[in-house]
């Protein structure tokens, strides 16, 4: 008799969605780079976001605990303004594997990341690397040397007010994964809900 298969783990992460204005600013900044980087797998617009915490494969019995933790952190965090910053790459030197656009002031996001780390259930993946607030715009395999001009590309800040944290589920696929919004958790004191991306 075959044993029952173990429950499927769900690939979850917590992030901040980008409003249309920020998306348009990123598209404009990428501009001619799309032709210059022929081997880059550019991130489709619906997949661009700011990751706060990637949780990896979460056991089914921990999923609700993840939602509760994000709700708790969101309720304790006032809505805040943020804006796009300069482009960057990972790793910072040598051949790059990831291209991204940063956030002008990632301190608030870094504090949220730290708070999430104290409230997410045990058994969810943790990332001990220093947090860099960014939106991934391209992946490169094999890695390439990126011209220095990439990090000097002007980006319209397109400021907006962050009014919620989002729990996503990642569904692997080719050529890109699909990111499903599971829950939007409102931040405290949303002063301008109309500016919050939906």
Foldseek 3Di string as FASTA:
>chain_A
DDDDDADFFFWKFKFAADAPLQLVLVVVLCPPVCVVCVQWPFDDSVQWTWTLWTFGGHHPVQVVQLVVLQLVLQAVAAKFKWWWAFKAFPPRDDFGFWIWIFIPDCPSSQVSSVSSVVRRDPPTDGDPDRDTTTITTTGGVPTGDDDPCRRVRDTDGSMFIAFWMWMWTWADDPPGIDIDTPDTRGHPPPPCVVRGHD
